[in-house]
Amino acid sequence: MPDYVENNIIKVLNGLPLEGDESEICDFTLEEQNSALESQGVAPTIDPTFKPILGETVTYIVACVIINEQNEILMMQEAKQSCAGKWYLPAGRMEKGENIIKAVTREVLEETGLNIECTTLLMVECAKGSWIRFVLTGVVIGGTLKTPAYADKESLQAKWIANLDELNLRAKDIMHLIERTRAYMQAKKTKDQTWHPDLLPCLRSHSKLLLRTVIVIKKRATNRVHILLSERNAWHLPVCEINPTKSVHSTLRKFMIELFGAEVGQHRPHGILSVEHDPNEENDGLCLTILVAFRGPLEEVPIIGKCVWHETSKALGDLLLDRVGAKNSTFPIHVIC
């Protein structure tokens, strides 16, 4: 097995983009997903030539949770007519040509008057495969907090808030984001090594919405860690196209059935390891890499797709087990119904 396979997994664990031809291979395209549905007598509902186009076929949202040393949360007061006067986190739609970091820093500056430096991704939220919200945190590095005297169409003002109960919130969907950020900050303070490292979305252009999988299992006979590799065109981590009309979890379930059959063994989607996104004039796609762990041993999990189990080095196997064994070692993917 080529060394680049393990090198690619280490890159993913470190939040780095995968380069080369193998990063463009897709094992389960929308066309193939449609064919699988038709074989079951189900009429497909998605155009197999679907192309992610920001503002037309896909919507990317960014939200930022900033908490200062006094445990106060940076909040902004809405100016939009539909929710004027209510409070929310700095958040908004990404604009054409923006990467995730640029979108976050722009939204925070426009709505709060503060310049920030993003430090890590915290969570990815999806409503079907075509609406994705990236939640990040960071630190203030400059600017002036917006007061009512500088109200504009972006916001009426911004404040540091200790008690959110004092505010009339636009929506309570941000509460779990704030709780997650507080838990993350506490873990940083106590140097809790079970949490994910500080990683930001990385720059890599994609023409499609892709879900890359790192599927982990242990072999009973040797107690060694194995990962699933696809042998289509070149050895690579299995990748499928995200169905924009379904949740990411639904896409993953169908892909696992494609790889392992309808009786696929018990497994757990652990969370996101990395996000690749770098828009240009032609491409608004992205790739989410997700960690999946089987509960049973390798000997009890048959493969029906064109894949093989690859035994990792002891060092890489231990790294993967550390991620699988710790609840907060990956970025949560939250599906919004």
Protein backbone atom coordinates (compact mmCIF):
# COMPACT_ATOMS: atom_id res chain seq x y z
CA MET A 1 0.00 0.00 0.00
CA PRO A 2 1.52 3.38 -0.98
CA ASP A 3 2.84 5.57 1.82
CA TYR A 4 0.69 8.48 0.59
CA VAL A 5 -2.41 6.73 1.94
CA GLU A 6 -1.31 7.06 5.57
CA ASN A 7 0.17 10.50 4.84
CA ASN A 8 -3.24 11.61 3.58
CA ILE A 9 -4.95 10.40 6.76
CA ILE A 10 -2.41 12.30 8.87
CA LYS A 11 -3.12 15.39 6.76
CA VAL A 12 -6.84 15.04 7.43
CA LEU A 13 -6.23 14.63 11.17
CA ASN A 14 -4.19 17.85 11.08
CA GLY A 15 -6.85 19.74 9.12
CA LEU A 16 -4.81 19.95 5.93
CA PRO A 17 -6.28 19.64 2.42
CA LEU A 18 -5.67 16.60 0.24
CA GLU A 19 -4.08 17.35 -3.10
CA GLY A 20 -3.56 15.30 -6.24
CA ASP A 21 -5.84 13.39 -8.55
CA GLU A 22 -7.12 11.00 -5.89
CA SER A 23 -8.84 13.87 -4.07
CA GLU A 24 -11.16 14.31 -7.09
CA ILE A 25 -12.30 10.67 -7.25
CA CYS A 26 -15.93 10.01 -6.24
CA ASP A 27 -17.06 6.45 -5.45
CA PHE A 28 -20.81 7.10 -5.28
CA THR A 29 -21.98 9.92 -7.54
CA LEU A 30 -25.51 11.32 -7.71
CA GLU A 31 -25.97 9.37 -10.94
CA GLU A 32 -25.00 6.15 -9.17
CA GLN A 33 -27.24 7.02 -6.24
CA ASN A 34 -30.14 7.49 -8.65
CA SER A 35 -29.40 4.11 -10.25
CA ALA A 36 -29.42 2.47 -6.81
CA LEU A 37 -32.85 3.99 -6.10
CA GLU A 38 -34.23 2.89 -9.46
CA SER A 39 -33.06 -0.68 -8.81
CA GLN A 40 -35.24 -0.60 -5.70
CA GLY A 41 -38.23 0.71 -7.65
CA VAL A 42 -37.88 4.24 -6.25
CA ALA A 43 -38.01 7.24 -8.59
CA PRO A 44 -34.96 9.54 -8.17
CA THR A 45 -35.64 13.16 -7.22
CA ILE A 46 -32.27 14.78 -7.88
CA ASP A 47 -30.72 15.87 -11.15
CA PRO A 48 -27.48 13.82 -11.50
CA THR A 49 -25.78 16.85 -13.08
CA PHE A 50 -26.45 19.01 -9.99
CA LYS A 51 -23.78 21.66 -9.53
CA PRO A 52 -23.32 23.65 -6.31
CA ILE A 53 -23.68 27.36 -7.10
CA LEU A 54 -23.66 29.73 -4.14
CA GLY A 55 -26.88 31.70 -3.86
CA GLU A 56 -28.65 29.53 -6.42
CA THR A 57 -28.40 25.85 -5.59
CA VAL A 58 -26.50 25.96 -2.26
CA THR A 59 -26.52 28.24 0.77
CA TYR A 60 -23.52 28.53 3.07
CA ILE A 61 -23.94 30.35 6.39
CA VAL A 62 -21.28 31.38 8.89
CA ALA A 63 -21.76 32.12 12.58
CA CYS A 64 -19.19 33.21 15.13
CA VAL A 65 -19.21 32.76 18.90
CA ILE A 66 -16.75 35.09 20.66
CA ILE A 67 -16.50 34.92 24.47
CA ASN A 68 -14.20 37.31 26.34
CA GLU A 69 -12.23 36.82 29.55
CA GLN A 70 -15.23 38.01 31.58
CA ASN A 71 -17.28 35.15 30.08
CA GLU A 72 -19.38 37.65 28.11
CA ILE A 73 -20.71 36.78 24.65
CA LEU A 74 -20.39 39.11 21.67
CA MET A 75 -23.96 39.75 20.44
CA MET A 76 -25.45 42.02 17.78
CA GLN A 77 -28.87 43.67 17.51
CA GLU A 78 -30.65 43.00 14.24
CA ALA A 79 -31.50 45.79 11.82
CA LYS A 80 -33.44 43.68 9.29
CA GLN A 81 -37.14 44.57 9.19
CA SER A 82 -38.21 40.96 9.80
CA CYS A 83 -36.41 40.80 13.17
CA ALA A 84 -35.41 44.39 13.96
CA GLY A 85 -34.40 44.99 17.57
CA LYS A 86 -33.83 41.32 18.38
CA TRP A 87 -30.42 39.91 19.27
CA TYR A 88 -28.30 37.21 17.67
CA LEU A 89 -24.75 36.03 17.17
CA PRO A 90 -22.76 37.66 14.38
CA ALA A 91 -23.80 35.51 11.43
CA GLY A 92 -24.85 35.62 7.81
CA ARG A 93 -24.68 34.21 4.32
CA MET A 94 -21.38 33.74 2.58
CA GLU A 95 -20.90 35.86 -0.51
CA LYS A 96 -19.70 34.76 -3.92
CA GLY A 97 -15.95 34.15 -3.98
CA GLU A 98 -15.54 34.17 -0.19
CA ASN A 99 -13.91 31.36 1.71
CA ILE A 100 -15.25 30.51 5.16
CA ILE A 101 -12.69 32.51 7.16
CA LYS A 102 -13.15 35.66 5.08
CA ALA A 103 -16.92 35.38 5.45
CA VAL A 104 -16.70 35.08 9.24
CA THR A 105 -14.34 38.01 9.68
CA ARG A 106 -16.46 40.18 7.36
CA GLU A 107 -19.72 39.38 9.15
CA VAL A 108 -18.25 40.08 12.59
CA LEU A 109 -16.75 43.39 11.44
CA GLU A 110 -19.96 44.53 9.70
CA GLU A 111 -22.25 43.61 12.57
CA THR A 112 -20.13 44.39 15.63
CA GLY A 113 -17.39 46.79 14.50
CA LEU A 114 -14.68 44.43 15.75
CA ASN A 115 -11.83 42.78 13.89
CA ILE A 116 -11.27 39.17 14.84
CA GLU A 117 -8.85 36.37 14.13
CA CYS A 118 -10.54 32.99 13.75
CA THR A 119 -8.96 30.27 15.87
CA THR A 120 -10.96 27.11 15.22
CA LEU A 121 -14.01 25.54 13.68
CA LEU A 122 -16.52 24.44 16.34
CA MET A 123 -19.38 22.75 14.53
CA VAL A 124 -20.99 22.12 11.16
CA GLU A 125 -24.79 22.29 10.84
CA CYS A 126 -26.79 21.07 7.85
CA ALA A 127 -30.39 21.36 6.74
CA LYS A 128 -30.43 18.90 3.85
CA GLY A 129 -27.23 18.79 1.85
CA SER A 130 -27.56 22.21 0.26
CA TRP A 131 -27.79 24.41 3.40
CA ILE A 132 -24.69 24.34 5.59
CA ARG A 133 -23.73 26.56 8.53
CA PHE A 134 -20.13 26.74 9.71
CA VAL A 135 -19.71 27.79 13.33
CA LEU A 136 -16.34 29.20 14.40
CA THR A 137 -14.77 31.07 17.26
CA GLY A 138 -11.85 33.46 17.54
CA VAL A 139 -10.31 36.39 19.36
CA VAL A 140 -10.76 40.15 19.00
CA ILE A 141 -7.67 41.87 17.57
CA GLY A 142 -9.00 45.39 16.95
CA GLY A 143 -11.87 47.62 15.98
CA THR A 144 -14.46 49.53 17.98
CA LEU A 145 -17.66 48.00 19.34
CA LYS A 146 -20.60 49.33 17.34
CA THR A 147 -22.90 51.71 19.23
CA PRO A 148 -26.41 52.89 18.25
CA ALA A 149 -24.82 56.04 16.81
CA TYR A 150 -23.28 53.86 14.08
CA ALA A 151 -26.36 51.76 13.33
CA ASP A 152 -26.69 50.70 9.70
CA LYS A 153 -28.40 48.03 7.58
CA GLU A 154 -26.08 45.37 9.02
CA SER A 155 -26.98 45.88 12.70
CA LEU A 156 -28.25 48.44 15.20
CA GLN A 157 -25.47 47.88 17.74
CA ALA A 158 -23.31 45.23 19.39
CA LYS A 159 -22.70 44.41 23.05
CA TRP A 160 -20.83 42.05 25.31
CA ILE A 161 -23.55 40.16 27.19
CA ALA A 162 -23.12 38.12 30.37
CA ASN A 163 -26.71 36.95 30.73
CA LEU A 164 -28.61 36.11 27.55
CA ASP A 165 -31.88 35.99 29.50
CA GLU A 166 -31.78 39.78 29.43
CA LEU A 167 -32.15 39.80 25.64
CA ASN A 168 -34.98 39.27 23.21
CA LEU A 169 -33.32 36.70 20.96
CA ARG A 170 -34.10 36.36 17.27
CA ALA A 171 -34.02 32.57 17.71
CA LYS A 172 -32.82 30.11 20.33
CA ASP A 173 -30.97 27.93 17.82
CA ILE A 174 -27.75 29.64 18.92
CA MET A 175 -27.94 28.45 22.54
CA HIS A 176 -26.28 25.08 21.89
CA LEU A 177 -23.57 26.85 19.87
CA ILE A 178 -22.76 29.05 22.85
CA GLU A 179 -22.79 26.07 25.23
CA ARG A 180 -20.41 24.23 22.92
CA THR A 181 -18.06 27.23 22.82
CA ARG A 182 -18.04 27.56 26.60
CA ALA A 183 -17.22 23.86 26.97
CA TYR A 184 -14.45 24.22 24.39
CA MET A 185 -12.97 27.24 26.20
CA GLN A 186 -13.05 25.39 29.52
CA ALA A 187 -11.26 22.45 27.89
CA LYS A 188 -8.60 24.83 26.57
CA LYS A 189 -8.18 26.37 29.99
CA THR A 190 -7.72 22.99 31.67
CA LYS A 191 -5.60 21.64 28.77
CA ASP A 192 -8.03 18.79 28.21
CA GLN A 193 -6.31 16.68 25.54
CA THR A 194 -9.50 14.76 24.68
CA TRP A 195 -10.86 17.72 22.71
CA HIS A 196 -10.15 18.36 19.06
CA PRO A 197 -7.15 20.55 18.24
CA ASP A 198 -7.64 24.08 16.96
CA LEU A 199 -8.32 23.56 13.26
CA LEU A 200 -9.79 25.88 10.65
CA PRO A 201 -11.45 25.03 7.34
CA CYS A 202 -8.69 24.50 4.78
CA LEU A 203 -8.40 25.86 1.26
CA ARG A 204 -9.13 23.29 -1.44
CA SER A 205 -11.38 23.87 -4.43
CA HIS A 206 -14.12 21.31 -5.23
CA SER A 207 -16.65 21.23 -8.04
CA LYS A 208 -19.11 19.04 -6.10
CA LEU A 209 -20.51 18.59 -2.59
CA LEU A 210 -18.46 15.67 -1.29
CA LEU A 211 -18.41 13.51 1.82
CA ARG A 212 -15.07 11.77 2.45
CA THR A 213 -15.01 8.94 4.99
CA VAL A 214 -12.36 7.70 7.39
CA ILE A 215 -13.88 4.34 8.39
CA VAL A 216 -12.10 2.70 11.33
CA ILE A 217 -12.29 -0.88 12.63
CA LYS A 218 -10.16 -3.21 14.77
CA LYS A 219 -9.21 -6.73 13.78
CA ARG A 220 -9.93 -9.22 16.53
CA ALA A 221 -7.03 -11.56 15.66
CA THR A 222 -4.33 -8.88 15.92
CA ASN A 223 -6.05 -6.04 17.78
CA ARG A 224 -4.70 -3.72 15.08
CA VAL A 225 -6.57 -0.78 13.56
CA HIS A 226 -7.67 -0.96 9.93
CA ILE A 227 -9.18 1.72 7.70
CA LEU A 228 -11.31 1.24 4.60
CA LEU A 229 -9.75 2.18 1.27
CA SER A 230 -11.36 2.30 -2.14
CA GLU A 231 -9.43 0.92 -5.10
CA ARG A 232 -11.30 2.84 -7.80
CA ASN A 233 -8.60 4.32 -10.10
CA ALA A 234 -6.21 4.81 -7.18
CA TRP A 235 -6.08 3.91 -3.48
CA HIS A 236 -8.00 6.56 -1.58
CA LEU A 237 -10.40 7.18 1.28
CA PRO A 238 -13.97 6.40 0.10
CA VAL A 239 -15.86 9.47 -1.12
CA CYS A 240 -19.49 10.01 -2.09
CA GLU A 241 -21.40 12.95 -3.50
CA ILE A 242 -23.73 14.61 -0.99
CA ASN A 243 -27.36 14.50 -2.07
CA PRO A 244 -28.51 18.15 -1.80
CA THR A 245 -32.11 17.10 -1.10
CA LYS A 246 -31.21 14.80 1.81
CA SER A 247 -29.44 15.23 5.13
CA VAL A 248 -25.74 14.45 5.32
CA HIS A 249 -26.57 11.57 7.67
CA SER A 250 -28.95 10.16 5.05
CA THR A 251 -26.23 10.38 2.39
CA LEU A 252 -23.78 8.61 4.71
CA ARG A 253 -26.26 5.81 5.48
CA LYS A 254 -26.81 5.12 1.78
CA PHE A 255 -23.07 5.17 1.13
CA MET A 256 -22.40 2.69 3.95
CA ILE A 257 -25.03 0.35 2.46
CA GLU A 258 -23.34 0.72 -0.93
CA LEU A 259 -20.01 -0.29 0.64
CA PHE A 260 -21.14 -2.97 3.08
CA GLY A 261 -24.62 -4.08 2.01
CA ALA A 262 -28.04 -3.68 3.58
CA GLU A 263 -26.95 -5.63 6.66
CA VAL A 264 -24.09 -3.26 7.41
CA GLY A 265 -22.86 -3.79 10.96
CA GLN A 266 -23.28 -1.38 13.84
CA HIS A 267 -21.25 1.74 13.29
CA ARG A 268 -21.17 5.30 14.59
CA PRO A 269 -20.58 8.51 12.68
CA HIS A 270 -18.24 10.22 15.11
CA GLY A 271 -17.92 13.72 13.66
CA ILE A 272 -16.12 15.96 11.18
CA LEU A 273 -12.33 15.77 10.90
CA SER A 274 -11.82 18.46 8.27
CA VAL A 275 -13.58 20.87 5.92
CA GLU A 276 -12.15 21.71 2.49
CA HIS A 277 -13.51 24.73 0.64
CA ASP A 278 -12.00 27.34 -1.66
CA PRO A 279 -14.42 28.94 -4.12
CA ASN A 280 -13.48 30.30 -7.51
CA GLU A 281 -15.33 31.43 -10.62
CA GLU A 282 -16.25 27.85 -11.52
CA ASN A 283 -16.44 25.91 -8.25
CA ASP A 284 -18.59 26.44 -5.15
CA GLY A 285 -18.30 22.88 -3.85
CA LEU A 286 -16.72 21.54 -0.69
CA CYS A 287 -15.62 18.33 0.99
CA LEU A 288 -16.45 17.24 4.53
CA THR A 289 -14.31 14.44 5.94
CA ILE A 290 -16.16 12.39 8.55
CA LEU A 291 -14.87 9.79 11.01
CA VAL A 292 -16.90 6.57 11.21
CA ALA A 293 -16.18 3.74 13.67
CA PHE A 294 -17.46 0.15 13.59
CA ARG A 295 -18.38 -1.41 16.92
CA GLY A 296 -17.80 -5.01 15.83
CA PRO A 297 -14.47 -6.53 14.69
CA LEU A 298 -13.24 -6.62 11.11
CA GLU A 299 -13.90 -10.36 10.88
CA GLU A 300 -17.65 -9.72 11.21
CA VAL A 301 -17.97 -6.92 8.64
CA PRO A 302 -18.15 -8.09 5.01
CA ILE A 303 -17.40 -5.64 2.18
CA ILE A 304 -19.40 -5.68 -1.05
CA GLY A 305 -17.93 -2.59 -2.72
CA LYS A 306 -14.55 -2.33 -4.45
CA CYS A 307 -12.74 -1.67 -1.19
CA VAL A 308 -10.17 -3.27 1.09
CA TRP A 309 -9.25 -3.00 4.75
CA HIS A 310 -5.79 -1.48 5.20
CA GLU A 311 -3.87 -2.20 8.40
CA THR A 312 -2.44 1.06 9.65
CA SER A 313 0.88 1.57 11.32
CA LYS A 314 0.74 1.27 15.10
CA ALA A 315 1.32 5.03 15.49
CA LEU A 316 -1.49 6.01 13.12
CA GLY A 317 -3.79 3.39 14.61
CA ASP A 318 -3.27 4.85 18.08
CA LEU A 319 -4.05 8.36 16.78
CA LEU A 320 -7.29 7.13 15.23
CA LEU A 321 -8.28 5.25 18.40
CA ASP A 322 -7.70 8.42 20.42
CA ARG A 323 -10.13 10.26 18.14
CA VAL A 324 -12.72 7.47 18.24
CA GLY A 325 -12.48 7.08 22.01
CA ALA A 326 -13.02 10.72 22.95
CA LYS A 327 -16.44 12.35 22.59
CA ASN A 328 -15.15 15.81 21.67
CA SER A 329 -12.20 14.85 19.47
CA THR A 330 -14.05 15.77 16.25
CA PHE A 331 -16.30 18.63 15.19
CA PRO A 332 -19.98 17.80 15.69
CA ILE A 333 -22.20 17.67 12.64
CA HIS A 334 -25.68 18.79 13.64
CA VAL A 335 -28.56 18.00 11.31
CA ILE A 336 -31.35 20.59 11.43
CA CYS A 337 -34.74 19.13 10.59
